[in-house]
Amino acid sequence: MPDFLIDSHVHLTMREFDADRAEVIARAQNAGVKYIVNAGFDLASSEAGIELAERHDCCYATVGIHPHDAKDCDDAALARLEELSQNPKVVAVGETGLDFYRNKSPKEAQIATFRAQLDLAKRRSLPVVVHDRDAHAETMDILEASGPTNVVWHCFAGDGAMAARVRQRGWLISAGGPATFRNAKHLPEALRAASLEHLMLETDCPYLAPEPHRGKRNEPSYLPLIAAKFAEILSPLTVDDVRRVTTHNAERFFGIGAVPAAQIAYRIRDSLYLNLTNRCTNACTFCIRQKTDFIKGHNLRLDREPDYDEVVAAIGDPARYREVVFCGYGEPLLRLELVKRVAAWLKERGARTRLNTNGQGGLIAGRNVVPELAGLIDEVSVSLNAADGETYQKVCRSRYGDAAFAEVKRFVAECARTGIATSVTALNLPGVDLGACRDLARELGATLRVRHYDAVG
């Protein structure tokens, strides 16, 4: 998996870097910053950004007209911007948007120029890098009314409620040095509300250097400091989680980098997850598999199912992890014999094991499988998601129909009676009675954990 970072927003064409631009890029590469996206803010900087990207393989460019310069934007400027956008190293339109803090251009001109660039992005099928300062409501309204699908709110300055709204739209937030400032205000709350799946890292250099460099010229080699602060804010996620997921987000957003191979074993926080199959007996309405191949930056779309030797090799030394979890992008108990064999190998090495399952193992195998798991699986987490069979089938759409919910309840109760630590999960979906789910979990001898429907991994 990627062990590098992407700086999603820099201004390396500015005069602050005239004396040592090549050295700045070299330092970034040495610090693990593999790709750098230079943001244009007028025609001159957009042209210079393309020239920089053509000289350095690690650099890409965006082309745009900043709201400060909207007063000078005419049809000729927009035509030139569209011409520049056709360069193969141009990966986005922007930065564009609204700035009602300094108001260097009339609001009407800012809005018109913003809308024109959104139209350009849609024609060119490019994502948009948005600048928003003291214009949250107006920027959001324009984007929701006519914006393209792929948007990043650069140098995000909103609160948690606004970040949640961005997340609901499937857009991204990027942030940098201000996350490390003591007076960061709403930014930590916003990052948590957005969730890591909707975040990218940026320096916005030469501006906004992170601590301990605050007040000095910023540069991409400082990006690891920002990644470390993100991990602190998003704890218990780790720096490795932040690096991997933000890298994936930036690669997907800008269309750069290579798609990583599918993972059999993948780490999140201090747990190792095992992806044994992509098959499942449910077709849940909320399933993340319908939207993406990735969980926390890991590609889980298998091209074939792994065998025992491949799984063991992918695990390596299980002592490195707090627990090893049979989970992945399908139902593990569809490969019951492999689960038992790998779990036995793990227990011989003192590993703690957990099984994440939909609880339909008895229907899959045609027998009570819980006794076969006893002594091999320390903890079971079962996706319950409903307190009655009708709601369960509506939400989870099991191929076993009405028999599924009864089997899930039986499986949960049997695990609890056997002495396996047992919990159930339910999503806060419309129509799901979480109180009734909690009562049912208690009746079955399990504990309930409530999950948000789009919080995965």
Foldseek 3Di string as FASTA:
>chain_A
DQPAAEAEEAQLVDPVCVVPSVVLVVLLVVLRHQAYEYEAAFLVSQVVQCVVCVVDVRYAYEAEHELLCLQVDDPVRLVSSLVSCPPPRHQAHDPAEDAPPVCNDPRVSSVVRRLSSQVSCVVVVHEYEYEDHPCLVVRVVSCVVRGDLEYEDEQDDDALVSLLVCLVSVYAYEHEQLLQDPPVPRVLSSDQSNDLLRYAYHHHFLPRAHPPQHPGGHGSSSRLVRLQSSVVSNPPWHSSLNRQNNRLNSCVNRVDDDDDAAAQWDDTRQEIEGAQDQEAQWDFPLQCVVPDQDDSNHRQDDPDGDALVVNPVRCDQLVSGQAYEHDTNYASLLVVVSLLVVLVVQVVNVHAYEYEHQQCSCVSVVHQCLVSCPPRHQAYEHALAALDQVVCCVRTVGPVHSVSNVSSLVSQLVNQVSPRQYAYEHEPDPPHDVVSVQVSQVVSNHGYDYDHSPDGD
